[in-house]
Amino acid sequence: MIEDNVVFIGNKPVMNYVLAIVTQFNNGAEEISVKARGKAISRAVDAVEVSRNRFLHDIKVKEIKIGTEKIETDRGDSNVSIIEIVIEK
């Protein structure tokens, strides 16, 4: 999969990410990977679900990958949950 078709979820409102997903599909993407970690995971799920249910009725979830990433903080190492939701037309 091409790295261009990745939407990284952060702290912006859900509709910003929905717009990014819809735009990528409208630009001809066959498959998009939505990635998030930590507290942004629920926002990623919301963005995918709003895209599917309200805007693009012909896309489906191909796979969901979950895992844990170790990140270094000023207080030592910390584990952060990660999710990758792959959606396709």
PDB file of N, CA and C in Angstrom:
ATOM      1  N   MET A   1       0.843  -1.186   0.000  1.00  0.00           N
ATOM      2  CA  MET A   1       0.000   0.000   0.000  1.00  0.00           C
ATOM      3  C   MET A   1       0.885   1.245   0.000  1.00  0.00           C
ATOM      4  N   ILE A   2       0.468   2.271  -0.690  1.00  0.00           N
ATOM      5  CA  ILE A   2       1.229   3.502  -0.798  1.00  0.00           C
ATOM      6  C   ILE A   2       1.019   4.336   0.465  1.00  0.00           C
ATOM      7  N   GLU A   3       2.083   4.957   0.965  1.00  0.00           N
ATOM      8  CA  GLU A   3       1.994   5.762   2.181  1.00  0.00           C
ATOM      9  C   GLU A   3       1.078   6.973   2.023  1.00  0.00           C
ATOM     10  N   ASP A   4       0.793   7.396   0.779  1.00  0.00           N
ATOM     11  CA  ASP A   4      -0.096   8.539   0.559  1.00  0.00           C
ATOM     12  C   ASP A   4      -1.502   8.247   1.088  1.00  0.00           C
ATOM     13  N   ASN A   5      -1.877   7.005   1.112  1.00  0.00           N
ATOM     14  CA  ASN A   5      -3.233   6.642   1.495  1.00  0.00           C
ATOM     15  C   ASN A   5      -3.341   6.327   2.989  1.00  0.00           C
ATOM     16  N   VAL A   6      -2.668   7.120   3.805  1.00  0.00           N
ATOM     17  CA  VAL A   6      -2.720   6.958   5.251  1.00  0.00           C
ATOM     18  C   VAL A   6      -3.263   8.239   5.865  1.00  0.00           C
ATOM     19  N   VAL A   7      -4.234   8.082   6.766  1.00  0.00           N
ATOM     20  CA  VAL A   7      -4.762   9.221   7.509  1.00  0.00           C
ATOM     21  C   VAL A   7      -4.355   9.019   8.962  1.00  0.00           C
ATOM     22  N   PHE A   8      -3.523   9.914   9.475  1.00  0.00           N
ATOM     23  CA  PHE A   8      -3.099   9.853  10.872  1.00  0.00           C
ATOM     24  C   PHE A   8      -4.068  10.682  11.707  1.00  0.00           C
ATOM     25  N   ILE A   9      -4.625  10.068  12.740  1.00  0.00           N
ATOM     26  CA  ILE A   9      -5.615  10.728  13.584  1.00  0.00           C
ATOM     27  C   ILE A   9      -4.916  11.397  14.765  1.00  0.00           C
ATOM     28  N   GLY A  10      -5.273  12.669  14.990  1.00  0.00           N
ATOM     29  CA  GLY A  10      -4.697  13.420  16.101  1.00  0.00           C
ATOM     30  C   GLY A  10      -5.785  14.038  16.946  1.00  0.00           C
ATOM     31  N   ASN A  11      -5.623  15.320  17.273  1.00  0.00           N
ATOM     32  CA  ASN A  11      -6.551  15.990  18.189  1.00  0.00           C
ATOM     33  C   ASN A  11      -7.572  16.886  17.516  1.00  0.00           C
ATOM     34  N   LYS A  12      -7.613  16.889  16.199  1.00  0.00           N
ATOM     35  CA  LYS A  12      -8.584  17.732  15.494  1.00  0.00           C
ATOM     36  C   LYS A  12      -9.984  17.118  15.604  1.00  0.00           C
ATOM     37  N   PRO A  13     -11.006  17.911  15.256  1.00  0.00           N
ATOM     38  CA  PRO A  13     -12.376  17.356  15.276  1.00  0.00           C
ATOM     39  C   PRO A  13     -12.531  16.202  14.275  1.00  0.00           C
ATOM     40  N   VAL A  14     -13.445  15.299  14.584  1.00  0.00           N
ATOM     41  CA  VAL A  14     -13.667  14.098  13.775  1.00  0.00           C
ATOM     42  C   VAL A  14     -13.941  14.436  12.313  1.00  0.00           C
ATOM     43  N   MET A  15     -14.709  15.505  12.074  1.00  0.00           N
ATOM     44  CA  MET A  15     -15.087  15.826  10.698  1.00  0.00           C
ATOM     45  C   MET A  15     -13.882  16.191   9.824  1.00  0.00           C
ATOM     46  N   ASN A  16     -12.807  16.683  10.416  1.00  0.00           N
ATOM     47  CA  ASN A  16     -11.586  16.949   9.644  1.00  0.00           C
ATOM     48  C   ASN A  16     -11.040  15.655   9.044  1.00  0.00           C
ATOM     49  N   TYR A  17     -11.076  14.587   9.828  1.00  0.00           N
ATOM     50  CA  TYR A  17     -10.559  13.305   9.362  1.00  0.00           C
ATOM     51  C   TYR A  17     -11.528  12.633   8.393  1.00  0.00           C
ATOM     52  N   VAL A  18     -12.836  12.826   8.619  1.00  0.00           N
ATOM     53  CA  VAL A  18     -13.836  12.313   7.678  1.00  0.00           C
ATOM     54  C   VAL A  18     -13.608  12.953   6.310  1.00  0.00           C
ATOM     55  N   LEU A  19     -13.371  14.265   6.299  1.00  0.00           N
ATOM     56  CA  LEU A  19     -13.103  14.982   5.050  1.00  0.00           C
ATOM     57  C   LEU A  19     -11.856  14.419   4.369  1.00  0.00           C
ATOM     58  N   ALA A  20     -10.820  14.140   5.138  1.00  0.00           N
ATOM     59  CA  ALA A  20      -9.587  13.575   4.569  1.00  0.00           C
ATOM     60  C   ALA A  20      -9.846  12.204   3.937  1.00  0.00           C
ATOM     61  N   ILE A  21     -10.641  11.368   4.602  1.00  0.00           N
ATOM     62  CA  ILE A  21     -10.957  10.027   4.087  1.00  0.00           C
ATOM     63  C   ILE A  21     -11.778  10.136   2.803  1.00  0.00           C
ATOM     64  N   VAL A  22     -12.836  10.947   2.833  1.00  0.00           N
ATOM     65  CA  VAL A  22     -13.710  11.103   1.664  1.00  0.00           C
ATOM     66  C   VAL A  22     -12.917  11.667   0.488  1.00  0.00           C
ATOM     67  N   THR A  23     -12.055  12.655   0.759  1.00  0.00           N
ATOM     68  CA  THR A  23     -11.246  13.269  -0.295  1.00  0.00           C
ATOM     69  C   THR A  23     -10.317  12.247  -0.941  1.00  0.00           C
ATOM     70  N   GLN A  24      -9.681  11.407  -0.129  1.00  0.00           N
ATOM     71  CA  GLN A  24      -8.770  10.412  -0.693  1.00  0.00           C
ATOM     72  C   GLN A  24      -9.516   9.418  -1.579  1.00  0.00           C
ATOM     73  N   PHE A  25     -10.690   8.967  -1.143  1.00  0.00           N
ATOM     74  CA  PHE A  25     -11.462   8.054  -1.991  1.00  0.00           C
ATOM     75  C   PHE A  25     -11.909   8.753  -3.272  1.00  0.00           C
ATOM     76  N   ASN A  26     -12.306  10.026  -3.179  1.00  0.00           N
ATOM     77  CA  ASN A  26     -12.725  10.768  -4.368  1.00  0.00           C
ATOM     78  C   ASN A  26     -11.568  11.013  -5.333  1.00  0.00           C
ATOM     79  N   ASN A  27     -10.341  11.010  -4.827  1.00  0.00           N
ATOM     80  CA  ASN A  27      -9.159  11.182  -5.669  1.00  0.00           C
ATOM     81  C   ASN A  27      -8.666   9.861  -6.250  1.00  0.00           C
ATOM     82  N   GLY A  28      -9.436   8.790  -6.077  1.00  0.00           N
ATOM     83  CA  GLY A  28      -9.119   7.532  -6.729  1.00  0.00           C
ATOM     84  C   GLY A  28      -8.468   6.472  -5.875  1.00  0.00           C
ATOM     85  N   ALA A  29      -8.329   6.707  -4.585  1.00  0.00           N
ATOM     86  CA  ALA A  29      -7.721   5.687  -3.718  1.00  0.00           C
ATOM     87  C   ALA A  29      -8.645   4.478  -3.618  1.00  0.00           C
ATOM     88  N   GLU A  30      -8.057   3.283  -3.715  1.00  0.00           N
ATOM     89  CA  GLU A  30      -8.845   2.056  -3.563  1.00  0.00           C
ATOM     90  C   GLU A  30      -8.897   1.616  -2.103  1.00  0.00           C
ATOM     91  N   GLU A  31      -7.862   2.016  -1.338  1.00  0.00           N
ATOM     92  CA  GLU A  31      -7.710   1.539   0.023  1.00  0.00           C
ATOM     93  C   GLU A  31      -7.048   2.644   0.855  1.00  0.00           C
ATOM     94  N   ILE A  32      -7.546   2.834   2.069  1.00  0.00           N
ATOM     95  CA  ILE A  32      -6.989   3.852   2.958  1.00  0.00           C
ATOM     96  C   ILE A  32      -6.733   3.216   4.319  1.00  0.00           C
ATOM     97  N   SER A  33      -5.606   3.584   4.897  1.00  0.00           N
ATOM     98  CA  SER A  33      -5.257   3.123   6.231  1.00  0.00           C
ATOM     99  C   SER A  33      -5.431   4.289   7.204  1.00  0.00           C
ATOM    100  N   VAL A  34      -6.245   4.076   8.231  1.00  0.00           N
ATOM    101  CA  VAL A  34      -6.483   5.103   9.245  1.00  0.00           C
ATOM    102  C   VAL A  34      -5.730   4.659  10.502  1.00  0.00           C
ATOM    103  N   LYS A  35      -4.767   5.479  10.937  1.00  0.00           N
ATOM    104  CA  LYS A  35      -3.925   5.102  12.067  1.00  0.00           C
ATOM    105  C   LYS A  35      -4.097   6.079  13.219  1.00  0.00           C
ATOM    106  N   ALA A  36      -4.102   5.523  14.434  1.00  0.00           N
ATOM    107  CA  ALA A  36      -4.207   6.365  15.624  1.00  0.00           C
ATOM    108  C   ALA A  36      -3.549   5.650  16.790  1.00  0.00           C
ATOM    109  N   ARG A  37      -3.226   6.432  17.807  1.00  0.00           N
ATOM    110  CA  ARG A  37      -2.705   5.829  19.021  1.00  0.00           C
ATOM    111  C   ARG A  37      -3.218   6.559  20.248  1.00  0.00           C
ATOM    112  N   GLY A  38      -3.241   5.852  21.356  1.00  0.00           N
ATOM    113  CA  GLY A  38      -3.673   6.442  22.620  1.00  0.00           C
ATOM    114  C   GLY A  38      -5.120   6.897  22.593  1.00  0.00           C
ATOM    115  N   LYS A  39      -5.346   8.104  23.103  1.00  0.00           N
ATOM    116  CA  LYS A  39      -6.709   8.625  23.235  1.00  0.00           C
ATOM    117  C   LYS A  39      -7.364   8.926  21.902  1.00  0.00           C
ATOM    118  N   ALA A  40      -6.582   8.985  20.828  1.00  0.00           N
ATOM    119  CA  ALA A  40      -7.141   9.278  19.502  1.00  0.00           C
ATOM    120  C   ALA A  40      -7.798   8.060  18.855  1.00  0.00           C
ATOM    121  N   ILE A  41      -7.676   6.887  19.470  1.00  0.00           N
ATOM    122  CA  ILE A  41      -8.230   5.660  18.879  1.00  0.00           C
ATOM    123  C   ILE A  41      -9.751   5.788  18.689  1.00  0.00           C
ATOM    124  N   SER A  42     -10.449   6.304  19.681  1.00  0.00           N
ATOM    125  CA  SER A  42     -11.911   6.426  19.539  1.00  0.00           C
ATOM    126  C   SER A  42     -12.262   7.416  18.429  1.00  0.00           C
ATOM    127  N   ARG A  43     -11.434   8.439  18.248  1.00  0.00           N
ATOM    128  CA  ARG A  43     -11.664   9.406  17.165  1.00  0.00           C
ATOM    129  C   ARG A  43     -11.480   8.728  15.806  1.00  0.00           C
ATOM    130  N   ALA A  44     -10.522   7.817  15.710  1.00  0.00           N
ATOM    131  CA  ALA A  44     -10.294   7.084  14.460  1.00  0.00           C
ATOM    132  C   ALA A  44     -11.510   6.221  14.121  1.00  0.00           C
ATOM    133  N   VAL A  45     -12.021   5.521  15.119  1.00  0.00           N
ATOM    134  CA  VAL A  45     -13.212   4.683  14.909  1.00  0.00           C
ATOM    135  C   VAL A  45     -14.390   5.553  14.487  1.00  0.00           C
ATOM    136  N   ASP A  46     -14.572   6.696  15.151  1.00  0.00           N
ATOM    137  CA  ASP A  46     -15.659   7.615  14.796  1.00  0.00           C
ATOM    138  C   ASP A  46     -15.518   8.102  13.355  1.00  0.00           C
ATOM    139  N   ALA A  47     -14.302   8.474  12.962  1.00  0.00           N
ATOM    140  CA  ALA A  47     -14.074   8.990  11.610  1.00  0.00           C
ATOM    141  C   ALA A  47     -14.419   7.950  10.552  1.00  0.00           C
ATOM    142  N   VAL A  48     -14.010   6.703  10.791  1.00  0.00           N
ATOM    143  CA  VAL A  48     -14.306   5.628   9.836  1.00  0.00           C
ATOM    144  C   VAL A  48     -15.805   5.369   9.779  1.00  0.00           C
ATOM    145  N   GLU A  49     -16.445   5.325  10.930  1.00  0.00           N
ATOM    146  CA  GLU A  49     -17.877   5.034  10.967  1.00  0.00           C
ATOM    147  C   GLU A  49     -18.713   6.152  10.334  1.00  0.00           C
ATOM    148  N   VAL A  50     -18.366   7.399  10.592  1.00  0.00           N
ATOM    149  CA  VAL A  50     -19.095   8.517   9.977  1.00  0.00           C
ATOM    150  C   VAL A  50     -18.895   8.490   8.464  1.00  0.00           C
ATOM    151  N   SER A  51     -17.657   8.213   8.030  1.00  0.00           N
ATOM    152  CA  SER A  51     -17.381   8.129   6.581  1.00  0.00           C
ATOM    153  C   SER A  51     -18.236   7.047   5.934  1.00  0.00           C
ATOM    154  N   ARG A  52     -18.294   5.885   6.575  1.00  0.00           N
ATOM    155  CA  ARG A  52     -19.045   4.749   6.022  1.00  0.00           C
ATOM    156  C   ARG A  52     -20.546   4.992   6.031  1.00  0.00           C
ATOM    157  N   ASN A  53     -21.054   5.479   7.141  1.00  0.00           N
ATOM    158  CA  ASN A  53     -22.508   5.554   7.309  1.00  0.00           C
ATOM    159  C   ASN A  53     -23.138   6.800   6.700  1.00  0.00           C
ATOM    160  N   ARG A  54     -22.401   7.922   6.650  1.00  0.00           N
ATOM    161  CA  ARG A  54     -23.008   9.154   6.195  1.00  0.00           C
ATOM    162  C   ARG A  54     -22.595   9.573   4.790  1.00  0.00           C
ATOM    163  N   PHE A  55     -21.372   9.226   4.374  1.00  0.00           N
ATOM    164  CA  PHE A  55     -20.871   9.767   3.110  1.00  0.00           C
ATOM    165  C   PHE A  55     -20.590   8.707   2.048  1.00  0.00           C
ATOM    166  N   LEU A  56     -19.889   7.647   2.407  1.00  0.00           N
ATOM    167  CA  LEU A  56     -19.474   6.641   1.423  1.00  0.00           C
ATOM    168  C   LEU A  56     -20.069   5.291   1.801  1.00  0.00           C
ATOM    169  N   HIS A  57     -21.220   5.000   1.219  1.00  0.00           N
ATOM    170  CA  HIS A  57     -21.905   3.756   1.607  1.00  0.00           C
ATOM    171  C   HIS A  57     -21.288   2.519   0.974  1.00  0.00           C
ATOM    172  N   ASP A  58     -20.367   2.711   0.015  1.00  0.00           N
ATOM    173  CA  ASP A  58     -19.796   1.553  -0.694  1.00  0.00           C
ATOM    174  C   ASP A  58     -18.418   1.152  -0.158  1.00  0.00           C
ATOM    175  N   ILE A  59     -17.988   1.697   0.978  1.00  0.00           N
ATOM    176  CA  ILE A  59     -16.693   1.263   1.517  1.00  0.00           C
ATOM    177  C   ILE A  59     -16.907   0.277   2.656  1.00  0.00           C
ATOM    178  N   LYS A  60     -15.916  -0.575   2.858  1.00  0.00           N
ATOM    179  CA  LYS A  60     -16.017  -1.534   3.954  1.00  0.00           C
ATOM    180  C   LYS A  60     -14.670  -1.656   4.659  1.00  0.00           C
ATOM    181  N   VAL A  61     -14.739  -2.138   5.888  1.00  0.00           N
ATOM    182  CA  VAL A  61     -13.526  -2.335   6.677  1.00  0.00           C
ATOM    183  C   VAL A  61     -12.864  -3.623   6.215  1.00  0.00           C
ATOM    184  N   LYS A  62     -11.633  -3.504   5.721  1.00  0.00           N
ATOM    185  CA  LYS A  62     -10.895  -4.665   5.236  1.00  0.00           C
ATOM    186  C   LYS A  62     -10.220  -5.403   6.387  1.00  0.00           C
ATOM    187  N   GLU A  63      -9.507  -4.633   7.243  1.00  0.00           N
ATOM    188  CA  GLU A  63      -8.900  -5.252   8.412  1.00  0.00           C
ATOM    189  C   GLU A  63      -8.640  -4.214   9.488  1.00  0.00           C
ATOM    190  N   ILE A  64      -8.514  -4.724  10.712  1.00  0.00           N
ATOM    191  CA  ILE A  64      -8.194  -3.873  11.859  1.00  0.00           C
ATOM    192  C   ILE A  64      -7.005  -4.499  12.568  1.00  0.00           C
ATOM    193  N   LYS A  65      -5.952  -3.705  12.724  1.00  0.00           N
ATOM    194  CA  LYS A  65      -4.758  -4.178  13.424  1.00  0.00           C
ATOM    195  C   LYS A  65      -4.625  -3.382  14.716  1.00  0.00           C
ATOM    196  N   ILE A  66      -4.325  -4.083  15.804  1.00  0.00           N
ATOM    197  CA  ILE A  66      -4.103  -3.391  17.078  1.00  0.00           C
ATOM    198  C   ILE A  66      -2.756  -3.800  17.629  1.00  0.00           C
ATOM    199  N   GLY A  67      -2.211  -2.959  18.470  1.00  0.00           N
ATOM    200  CA  GLY A  67      -0.926  -3.280  19.057  1.00  0.00           C
ATOM    201  C   GLY A  67      -0.539  -2.269  20.115  1.00  0.00           C
ATOM    202  N   THR A  68       0.718  -2.383  20.554  1.00  0.00           N
ATOM    203  CA  THR A  68       1.254  -1.480  21.562  1.00  0.00           C
ATOM    204  C   THR A  68       2.596  -0.957  21.097  1.00  0.00           C
ATOM    205  N   GLU A  69       2.816   0.330  21.282  1.00  0.00           N
ATOM    206  CA  GLU A  69       4.095   0.953  20.952  1.00  0.00           C
ATOM    207  C   GLU A  69       4.725   1.445  22.239  1.00  0.00           C
ATOM    208  N   LYS A  70       6.021   1.275  22.345  1.00  0.00           N
ATOM    209  CA  LYS A  70       6.738   1.816  23.494  1.00  0.00           C
ATOM    210  C   LYS A  70       7.244   3.203  23.113  1.00  0.00           C
ATOM    211  N   ILE A  71       6.916   4.193  23.925  1.00  0.00           N
ATOM    212  CA  ILE A  71       7.442   5.533  23.663  1.00  0.00           C
ATOM    213  C   ILE A  71       8.217   6.004  24.890  1.00  0.00           C
ATOM    214  N   GLU A  72       9.241   6.809  24.635  1.00  0.00           N
ATOM    215  CA  GLU A  72      10.049   7.329  25.727  1.00  0.00           C
ATOM    216  C   GLU A  72       9.511   8.687  26.149  1.00  0.00           C
ATOM    217  N   THR A  73       9.254   8.830  27.437  1.00  0.00           N
ATOM    218  CA  THR A  73       8.813  10.113  27.980  1.00  0.00           C
ATOM    219  C   THR A  73       9.846  10.583  28.996  1.00  0.00           C
ATOM    220  N   ASP A  74       9.622  11.771  29.521  1.00  0.00           N
ATOM    221  CA  ASP A  74      10.554  12.280  30.529  1.00  0.00           C
ATOM    222  C   ASP A  74      10.477  11.477  31.833  1.00  0.00           C
ATOM    223  N   ARG A  75       9.426  10.703  31.990  1.00  0.00           N
ATOM    224  CA  ARG A  75       9.269   9.857  33.180  1.00  0.00           C
ATOM    225  C   ARG A  75       9.619   8.394  32.891  1.00  0.00           C
ATOM    226  N   GLY A  76      10.339   8.141  31.797  1.00  0.00           N
ATOM    227  CA  GLY A  76      10.709   6.770  31.448  1.00  0.00           C
ATOM    228  C   GLY A  76       9.863   6.245  30.309  1.00  0.00           C
ATOM    229  N   ASP A  77       9.985   4.957  30.036  1.00  0.00           N
ATOM    230  CA  ASP A  77       9.235   4.339  28.949  1.00  0.00           C
ATOM    231  C   ASP A  77       7.765   4.195  29.310  1.00  0.00           C
ATOM    232  N   SER A  78       6.939   4.308  28.268  1.00  0.00           N
ATOM    233  CA  SER A  78       5.497   4.193  28.451  1.00  0.00           C
ATOM    234  C   SER A  78       4.918   3.409  27.285  1.00  0.00           C
ATOM    235  N   ASN A  79       3.893   2.600  27.547  1.00  0.00           N
ATOM    236  CA  ASN A  79       3.229   1.848  26.484  1.00  0.00           C
ATOM    237  C   ASN A  79       2.010   2.614  26.004  1.00  0.00           C
ATOM    238  N   VAL A  80       1.868   2.694  24.679  1.00  0.00           N
ATOM    239  CA  VAL A  80       0.718   3.383  24.086  1.00  0.00           C
ATOM    240  C   VAL A  80       0.035   2.424  23.120  1.00  0.00           C
ATOM    241  N   SER A  81      -1.276   2.303  23.236  1.00  0.00           N
ATOM    242  CA  SER A  81      -2.040   1.443  22.331  1.00  0.00           C
ATOM    243  C   SER A  81      -2.107   2.083  20.953  1.00  0.00           C
ATOM    244  N   ILE A  82      -2.073   1.240  19.910  1.00  0.00           N
ATOM    245  CA  ILE A  82      -2.194   1.737  18.547  1.00  0.00           C
ATOM    246  C   ILE A  82      -3.251   0.929  17.797  1.00  0.00           C
ATOM    247  N   ILE A  83      -3.856   1.568  16.813  1.00  0.00           N
ATOM    248  CA  ILE A  83      -4.833   0.880  15.965  1.00  0.00           C
ATOM    249  C   ILE A  83      -4.614   1.325  14.522  1.00  0.00           C
ATOM    250  N   GLU A  84      -4.815   0.390  13.614  1.00  0.00           N
ATOM    251  CA  GLU A  84      -4.800   0.712  12.186  1.00  0.00           C
ATOM    252  C   GLU A  84      -6.044   0.082  11.575  1.00  0.00           C
ATOM    253  N   ILE A  85      -6.884   0.916  10.995  1.00  0.00           N
ATOM    254  CA  ILE A  85      -8.118   0.444  10.361  1.00  0.00           C
ATOM    255  C   ILE A  85      -7.947   0.625   8.857  1.00  0.00           C
ATOM    256  N   VAL A  86      -7.968  -0.481   8.118  1.00  0.00           N
ATOM    257  CA  VAL A  86      -7.826  -0.429   6.675  1.00  0.00           C
ATOM    258  C   VAL A  86      -9.221  -0.520   6.059  1.00  0.00           C
ATOM    259  N   ILE A  87      -9.588   0.503   5.279  1.00  0.00           N
ATOM    260  CA  ILE A  87     -10.889   0.523   4.619  1.00  0.00           C
ATOM    261  C   ILE A  87     -10.680   0.531   3.106  1.00  0.00           C
ATOM    262  N   GLU A  88     -11.620  -0.089   2.386  1.00  0.00           N
ATOM    263  CA  GLU A  88     -11.482  -0.184   0.933  1.00  0.00           C
ATOM    264  C   GLU A  88     -12.826   0.028   0.272  1.00  0.00           C
ATOM    265  N   LYS A  89     -12.743   0.402  -1.023  1.00  0.00           N
ATOM    266  CA  LYS A  89     -13.945   0.584  -1.835  1.00  0.00           C
ATOM    267  C   LYS A  89     -14.427  -0.742  -2.350  1.00  0.00           C
TER     268      LYS A  89
END
